N, C-alpha and C. Protein backbone atom coordinates (compact mmCIF):
# COMPACT_ATOMS: atom_id res chain seq x y z
N UNK A 1 7.79 6.49 4.53
CA UNK A 1 7.07 5.71 4.09
C UNK A 1 8.38 5.27 2.70
N UNK A 2 8.70 4.16 2.12
CA UNK A 2 9.64 3.79 1.24
C UNK A 2 8.64 3.39 0.03
N UNK A 3 8.55 4.24 -0.85
CA UNK A 3 7.71 4.56 -2.42
C UNK A 3 8.76 4.29 -3.75
N UNK A 4 8.77 3.09 -4.09
CA UNK A 4 9.55 3.08 -5.69
C UNK A 4 8.67 2.87 -6.67
N UNK A 5 9.25 3.43 -7.59
CA UNK A 5 8.20 3.57 -8.66
C UNK A 5 9.34 2.61 -9.86
N UNK A 6 8.68 1.87 -10.53
CA UNK A 6 9.01 0.71 -11.48
C UNK A 6 8.44 0.38 -12.72
N UNK A 7 9.45 0.74 -13.58
CA UNK A 7 8.96 0.31 -15.03
C UNK A 7 8.99 -0.52 -15.62
N UNK A 8 8.07 -1.01 -16.26
CA UNK A 8 8.28 -2.63 -16.99
C UNK A 8 8.80 -1.88 -18.10
N UNK A 9 8.87 -3.25 -19.39
CA UNK A 9 9.36 -2.95 -20.78
C UNK A 9 8.11 -2.16 -21.23
N UNK A 10 6.55 -2.47 -20.93
CA UNK A 10 5.58 -2.02 -21.57
C UNK A 10 5.37 -0.76 -20.94
N UNK A 11 6.23 0.11 -20.24
CA UNK A 11 6.20 1.28 -19.75
C UNK A 11 4.95 1.47 -18.64
N UNK A 12 4.24 0.28 -18.20
CA UNK A 12 3.13 0.51 -17.25
C UNK A 12 3.97 0.50 -15.62
N UNK A 13 3.67 1.55 -14.98
CA UNK A 13 4.51 2.02 -13.73
C UNK A 13 3.63 1.45 -12.46
N UNK A 14 4.38 0.67 -11.41
CA UNK A 14 3.43 -0.01 -10.32
C UNK A 14 4.45 0.84 -9.48
N UNK A 15 3.84 1.06 -8.09
CA UNK A 15 4.39 1.11 -6.77
C UNK A 15 4.76 0.01 -5.70
N UNK A 16 6.17 0.06 -5.67
CA UNK A 16 6.35 -0.77 -4.44
C UNK A 16 6.38 -0.49 -3.24
N UNK A 17 5.18 -0.40 -2.24
CA UNK A 17 4.92 -0.25 -0.89
C UNK A 17 5.17 -1.43 0.35
N UNK A 18 6.39 -1.57 0.64
CA UNK A 18 6.45 -2.83 1.40
C UNK A 18 6.18 -2.37 2.87
N UNK A 19 5.46 -1.00 3.25
CA UNK A 19 5.28 -1.28 4.76
C UNK A 19 3.63 -1.33 4.93
N UNK A 20 3.84 -1.86 6.30
CA UNK A 20 2.40 -1.97 6.34
C UNK A 20 2.17 -3.58 6.51
N UNK A 21 0.65 -3.68 6.62
CA UNK A 21 0.10 -4.88 6.90
C UNK A 21 0.52 -5.87 5.61
N UNK A 22 0.17 -5.19 4.46
CA UNK A 22 0.15 -5.86 3.28
C UNK A 22 1.06 -5.26 2.17
N UNK A 23 2.06 -5.82 1.53
CA UNK A 23 2.74 -5.44 0.53
C UNK A 23 2.03 -4.48 -0.84
N UNK A 24 1.89 -3.67 -1.30
CA UNK A 24 1.23 -3.17 -2.27
C UNK A 24 1.77 -2.62 -3.67
N UNK A 25 1.59 -3.24 -4.89
CA UNK A 25 2.68 -3.01 -5.92
C UNK A 25 2.41 -1.94 -6.82
N UNK A 26 0.67 -1.79 -7.01
CA UNK A 26 -0.10 -1.40 -7.68
C UNK A 26 -0.76 -0.20 -7.26
N UNK A 27 -1.39 1.37 -7.98
CA UNK A 27 -1.56 2.36 -7.36
C UNK A 27 -3.04 1.97 -7.10
N UNK A 28 -4.02 1.00 -7.58
CA UNK A 28 -5.30 0.81 -7.28
C UNK A 28 -4.96 -0.53 -6.15
N UNK A 29 -5.84 -0.47 -4.95
CA UNK A 29 -5.92 -1.60 -4.11
C UNK A 29 -6.56 -2.76 -4.52
N UNK A 30 -7.39 -2.17 -5.72
CA UNK A 30 -8.29 -3.46 -6.66
C UNK A 30 -7.55 -4.07 -7.37
N UNK A 31 -6.47 -3.73 -7.75
CA UNK A 31 -5.71 -4.55 -8.60
C UNK A 31 -4.70 -5.19 -7.86
N UNK A 32 -4.11 -4.99 -6.91
CA UNK A 32 -3.53 -5.62 -6.12
C UNK A 32 -4.15 -6.54 -5.33
N UNK A 33 -5.22 -6.30 -5.33
CA UNK A 33 -6.35 -7.62 -4.79
C UNK A 33 -6.38 -8.72 -5.57
N UNK A 34 -6.70 -8.05 -6.93
CA UNK A 34 -7.07 -8.92 -8.19
C UNK A 34 -5.48 -9.98 -8.47
N UNK A 35 -4.46 -9.45 -8.17
CA UNK A 35 -3.21 -9.81 -8.66
C UNK A 35 -2.78 -10.65 -7.31
N UNK A 36 -2.84 -10.55 -5.82
CA UNK A 36 -2.93 -10.98 -5.31
C UNK A 36 -3.74 -12.59 -4.85
N UNK A 37 -4.99 -12.46 -5.47
CA UNK A 37 -5.99 -13.55 -5.79
C UNK A 37 -5.39 -14.25 -6.79
N UNK A 38 -4.95 -13.81 -7.96
CA UNK A 38 -4.32 -15.03 -9.29
C UNK A 38 -3.20 -15.35 -8.61
N UNK A 39 -2.04 -14.71 -8.02
CA UNK A 39 -1.10 -15.77 -7.77
C UNK A 39 -1.43 -16.82 -6.58
N UNK A 40 -2.03 -16.37 -5.63
CA UNK A 40 -2.69 -17.30 -4.96
C UNK A 40 -3.12 -18.67 -5.36
N UNK A 41 -4.30 -18.37 -6.81
CA UNK A 41 -4.65 -19.18 -7.18
C UNK A 41 -3.62 -19.88 -8.33
N UNK A 42 -2.72 -19.51 -8.52
CA UNK A 42 -1.31 -20.13 -9.65
C UNK A 42 -0.81 -21.09 -8.47
N UNK A 43 -0.93 -20.63 -7.44
CA UNK A 43 0.19 -21.35 -6.31
C UNK A 43 -0.63 -22.54 -6.21
N UNK A 44 -1.61 -22.59 -5.85
CA UNK A 44 -2.86 -23.48 -5.47
C UNK A 44 -3.05 -24.43 -6.60
N UNK A 45 -2.90 -23.66 -7.79
CA UNK A 45 -2.84 -24.37 -9.34
C UNK A 45 -1.32 -25.91 -9.55
N UNK A 46 -0.81 -24.48 -9.16
CA UNK A 46 1.11 -25.62 -8.97
C UNK A 46 0.88 -26.66 -7.97
N UNK A 47 0.56 -26.48 -7.09
CA UNK A 47 0.60 -27.44 -6.01
C UNK A 47 -0.41 -28.70 -6.53
N UNK A 48 -1.37 -28.02 -6.86
CA UNK A 48 -2.83 -29.45 -7.13
C UNK A 48 -1.77 -30.48 -8.49
N UNK A 49 -1.57 -29.67 -9.40
CA UNK A 49 -0.36 -30.12 -10.63
C UNK A 49 0.11 -31.00 -9.74
N UNK A 50 1.01 -30.92 -9.19
CA UNK A 50 2.11 -31.16 -8.66
C UNK A 50 1.92 -32.80 -7.91
N UNK A 51 0.72 -32.80 -6.91
CA UNK A 51 0.11 -33.76 -6.52
C UNK A 51 -0.43 -34.75 -7.66
N UNK A 52 -1.08 -34.24 -8.74
CA UNK A 52 -1.71 -35.47 -9.38
C UNK A 52 -0.39 -35.84 -10.08
N UNK A 53 0.84 -35.32 -10.37
CA UNK A 53 2.33 -35.95 -11.39
C UNK A 53 2.09 -36.64 -10.33
N UNK A 54 2.38 -36.45 -8.59
CA UNK A 54 3.28 -37.73 -7.77
C UNK A 54 1.92 -38.71 -8.43
N UNK A 55 0.55 -38.95 -8.22
CA UNK A 55 -0.07 -39.91 -7.62
C UNK A 55 -0.21 -40.82 -9.03
N UNK A 56 -0.35 -40.16 -10.26
CA UNK A 56 -0.14 -40.59 -11.32
C UNK A 56 1.42 -41.51 -11.41
N UNK A 57 2.51 -41.09 -11.05
CA UNK A 57 3.47 -41.69 -11.49
C UNK A 57 3.50 -43.07 -9.94
N UNK A 58 2.99 -43.19 -8.80
CA UNK A 58 2.90 -44.20 -7.89
C UNK A 58 1.88 -44.91 -8.73
N UNK A 59 0.71 -44.56 -9.32
CA UNK A 59 -0.04 -45.79 -9.22
C UNK A 59 -0.10 -46.69 -10.61
N UNK A 60 1.41 -45.74 -11.87
CA UNK A 60 2.27 -46.61 -12.80
C UNK A 60 3.04 -47.46 -12.04
N UNK A 61 3.49 -46.98 -11.33
CA UNK A 61 4.88 -47.37 -10.66
C UNK A 61 4.32 -49.37 -9.93
N UNK A 62 3.30 -48.85 -9.19
CA UNK A 62 3.24 -49.95 -8.38
C UNK A 62 1.70 -51.04 -9.58
N UNK A 63 2.10 -50.57 -10.54
CA UNK A 63 1.02 -51.30 -11.84
C UNK A 63 -0.66 -51.16 -11.47
N UNK A 64 -0.91 -50.36 -10.70
CA UNK A 64 -2.26 -50.41 -10.45
C UNK A 64 -2.88 -50.11 -11.99
N UNK A 65 -2.32 -48.88 -12.48
CA UNK A 65 -2.79 -48.58 -14.16
C UNK A 65 -1.80 -48.58 -15.01
N UNK A 66 -1.69 -48.34 -16.64
CA UNK A 66 -0.44 -48.49 -17.13
C UNK A 66 -0.90 -46.72 -17.26
N UNK A 67 0.28 -46.46 -18.16
CA UNK A 67 0.37 -45.16 -18.69
C UNK A 67 -0.57 -45.02 -19.93
N UNK A 68 -0.94 -46.09 -20.76
CA UNK A 68 -1.67 -46.34 -22.10
C UNK A 68 -3.26 -45.73 -21.82
N UNK A 69 -3.33 -47.14 -20.03
CA UNK A 69 -4.66 -46.88 -19.91
C UNK A 69 -5.13 -45.35 -19.55
N UNK A 70 -4.15 -44.90 -18.77
CA UNK A 70 -4.45 -43.10 -18.22
C UNK A 70 -4.31 -42.24 -19.37
N UNK A 71 -3.79 -42.23 -20.49
CA UNK A 71 -3.85 -41.61 -21.54
C UNK A 71 -5.20 -41.81 -21.86
N UNK A 72 -5.49 -43.05 -22.59
CA UNK A 72 -7.10 -43.20 -23.48
C UNK A 72 -7.81 -42.90 -22.46
N UNK A 73 -7.85 -42.73 -21.15
CA UNK A 73 -9.46 -42.73 -19.72
C UNK A 73 -10.06 -41.34 -20.36
N UNK A 74 -11.22 -41.47 -20.51
CA UNK A 74 -11.93 -40.53 -20.54
C UNK A 74 -13.41 -41.06 -19.46
N UNK A 75 -14.06 -39.89 -19.27
CA UNK A 75 -15.60 -39.64 -18.38
C UNK A 75 -16.55 -40.08 -19.28
N UNK A 76 -17.12 -40.99 -18.61
CA UNK A 76 -18.45 -41.14 -19.41
C UNK A 76 -19.90 -39.93 -19.67
N UNK A 77 -20.76 -39.60 -20.16
CA UNK A 77 -21.49 -38.82 -20.42
C UNK A 77 -22.44 -38.49 -19.15
N UNK A 78 -22.81 -38.91 -18.17
CA UNK A 78 -23.13 -38.72 -17.05
C UNK A 78 -21.88 -37.91 -16.30
N UNK A 79 -20.84 -38.79 -16.18
CA UNK A 79 -19.55 -38.32 -15.46
C UNK A 79 -19.21 -37.06 -15.71
N UNK A 80 -19.35 -36.55 -17.48
CA UNK A 80 -19.07 -35.21 -17.71
C UNK A 80 -20.14 -34.26 -17.36
N UNK A 81 -21.24 -34.66 -17.21
CA UNK A 81 -22.51 -33.97 -16.78
C UNK A 81 -21.58 -33.56 -15.50
N UNK A 82 -21.90 -34.37 -14.35
CA UNK A 82 -21.55 -33.92 -13.32
C UNK A 82 -20.54 -33.56 -12.48
N UNK A 83 -19.59 -33.42 -13.79
CA UNK A 83 -18.15 -32.99 -13.52
C UNK A 83 -18.42 -31.69 -13.63
N UNK A 84 -19.32 -31.34 -15.07
CA UNK A 84 -19.99 -29.78 -15.05
C UNK A 84 -20.32 -29.23 -14.39
N UNK A 85 -21.59 -29.59 -13.45
CA UNK A 85 -22.11 -29.18 -12.42
C UNK A 85 -21.20 -28.56 -11.88
N UNK A 86 -20.31 -29.40 -11.26
CA UNK A 86 -19.48 -29.10 -10.12
C UNK A 86 -18.77 -27.75 -10.27
N UNK A 87 -18.29 -27.94 -11.59
CA UNK A 87 -17.38 -26.94 -12.49
C UNK A 87 -18.40 -25.40 -12.13
N UNK A 88 -19.59 -25.51 -12.35
CA UNK A 88 -20.52 -24.28 -12.35
C UNK A 88 -20.43 -24.36 -11.08
N UNK A 89 -21.11 -25.09 -10.29
CA UNK A 89 -21.35 -24.77 -9.10
C UNK A 89 -19.83 -24.04 -7.70
N UNK A 90 -18.70 -24.24 -8.67
CA UNK A 90 -17.51 -23.97 -8.14
C UNK A 90 -17.54 -22.60 -8.51
N UNK A 91 -17.71 -21.77 -9.55
CA UNK A 91 -17.58 -20.69 -10.23
C UNK A 91 -18.89 -19.91 -9.55
N UNK A 92 -20.15 -20.54 -8.97
CA UNK A 92 -20.54 -19.47 -8.52
C UNK A 92 -20.47 -19.00 -7.23
N UNK A 93 -19.88 -20.09 -6.51
CA UNK A 93 -19.18 -19.87 -5.33
C UNK A 93 -18.37 -18.76 -5.19
N UNK A 94 -17.46 -18.91 -5.91
CA UNK A 94 -16.30 -17.74 -6.10
C UNK A 94 -16.80 -16.76 -6.36
N UNK A 95 -17.56 -16.36 -7.43
CA UNK A 95 -18.42 -14.89 -8.10
C UNK A 95 -19.34 -14.66 -7.15
N UNK A 96 -20.33 -15.48 -5.81
CA UNK A 96 -20.81 -14.94 -5.07
C UNK A 96 -20.01 -14.52 -4.21
N UNK A 97 -18.64 -15.17 -3.78
CA UNK A 97 -17.83 -14.56 -2.58
C UNK A 97 -17.22 -12.91 -2.54
N UNK A 98 -17.22 -13.20 -3.88
CA UNK A 98 -16.81 -11.37 -4.65
C UNK A 98 -17.97 -10.63 -4.77
N UNK A 99 -19.00 -11.25 -4.56
CA UNK A 99 -20.61 -9.98 -4.62
C UNK A 99 -21.14 -10.10 -5.99
N UNK A 100 -20.66 -10.65 -6.83
CA UNK A 100 -20.99 -10.53 -8.61
C UNK A 100 -21.87 -11.23 -8.70
N UNK A 101 -22.60 -11.17 -9.64
CA UNK A 101 -23.84 -12.28 -10.12
C UNK A 101 -22.69 -13.03 -10.93
N UNK A 102 -23.08 -14.33 -11.44
CA UNK A 102 -22.93 -15.14 -12.03
C UNK A 102 -24.28 -16.02 -12.62
N UNK A 103 -24.00 -16.49 -14.11
CA UNK A 103 -24.79 -16.96 -14.77
C UNK A 103 -24.14 -17.93 -15.83
N UNK A 104 -24.81 -19.13 -15.74
CA UNK A 104 -24.34 -20.22 -16.59
C UNK A 104 -24.60 -20.08 -17.99
N UNK A 105 -23.55 -21.11 -18.37
CA UNK A 105 -23.16 -20.83 -19.98
C UNK A 105 -24.17 -21.04 -20.61
N UNK A 106 -25.18 -22.01 -20.21
CA UNK A 106 -26.20 -22.28 -20.87
C UNK A 106 -27.78 -21.88 -20.91
N UNK A 107 -27.76 -20.82 -19.33
CA UNK A 107 -28.20 -19.86 -19.39
C UNK A 107 -28.15 -18.53 -20.37
N UNK A 108 -26.87 -18.06 -20.40
CA UNK A 108 -26.61 -17.03 -21.59
C UNK A 108 -26.49 -17.47 -22.46
N UNK A 109 -26.52 -19.19 -22.93
CA UNK A 109 -26.58 -19.03 -24.72
C UNK A 109 -28.31 -19.08 -24.85
N UNK A 110 -28.93 -19.44 -23.70
CA UNK A 110 -30.70 -19.89 -23.90
C UNK A 110 -31.10 -17.77 -24.22
N UNK A 111 -30.42 -16.93 -23.76
CA UNK A 111 -30.69 -15.77 -23.79
C UNK A 111 -30.35 -15.26 -25.49
N UNK A 112 -29.02 -15.46 -25.73
CA UNK A 112 -28.53 -14.84 -26.55
C UNK A 112 -29.34 -15.47 -27.98
N UNK A 113 -29.45 -16.58 -27.90
CA UNK A 113 -30.85 -17.69 -28.90
C UNK A 113 -32.44 -16.52 -29.12
N UNK A 114 -32.36 -16.39 -27.79
CA UNK A 114 -33.78 -15.60 -27.51
C UNK A 114 -33.67 -13.99 -28.01
N UNK A 115 -32.38 -13.81 -27.91
CA UNK A 115 -32.60 -12.24 -28.56
C UNK A 115 -32.26 -12.49 -29.82
N UNK A 116 -31.80 -13.21 -30.63
CA UNK A 116 -31.59 -13.30 -31.98
C UNK A 116 -32.69 -13.60 -32.98
N UNK A 117 -33.77 -14.52 -31.87
CA UNK A 117 -34.86 -15.09 -32.57
C UNK A 117 -35.87 -13.80 -32.47
N UNK A 118 -35.87 -13.06 -31.66
CA UNK A 118 -36.80 -11.39 -31.60
C UNK A 118 -36.54 -10.60 -32.73
N UNK A 119 -34.68 -10.79 -32.78
CA UNK A 119 -34.63 -9.70 -33.95
C UNK A 119 -34.92 -10.05 -35.01
N UNK A 120 -34.59 -11.51 -35.30
CA UNK A 120 -35.05 -12.14 -36.70
C UNK A 120 -36.66 -12.09 -37.03
N UNK A 121 -37.80 -11.97 -35.96
CA UNK A 121 -38.74 -12.18 -35.85
C UNK A 121 -39.44 -10.57 -36.28
N UNK A 122 -38.59 -9.58 -35.61
CA UNK A 122 -38.97 -8.16 -35.60
C UNK A 122 -38.28 -8.12 -37.39
N UNK A 123 -37.11 -8.37 -38.21
CA UNK A 123 -37.08 -7.93 -39.11
C UNK A 123 -37.88 -8.42 -40.13
N UNK A 124 -38.24 -9.72 -40.01
CA UNK A 124 -39.49 -10.00 -40.77
C UNK A 124 -40.74 -9.08 -41.28
N UNK A 125 -41.19 -8.76 -40.20
CA UNK A 125 -42.22 -8.26 -39.48
C UNK A 125 -42.42 -6.33 -41.03
């Protein structure tokens, strides 16, 4: 098996083992899995950004919308709420797939507020 250790500028070593089913670059398979997921996510984000740019350009060229209209557009409060809920659902699905628990920002803020209130009340006694 070919095993090559490479040192980066930060003296952090990783192993390049390209034999077998999937290349591995780090000593930990968990780190490899996270890096694979990160790189896949970055690739998908790049492709999505590219598609959005193409659509924006086409809409402007075909006079469906102007650049100024695009620049000042914003969702209304209901649409923002729906978008936030869709984002929470998206992350919940992602974390569920990883087997981790997920907590909404509102739920976490409520827990922090309750903890701070109980500490304040205890300090007053």
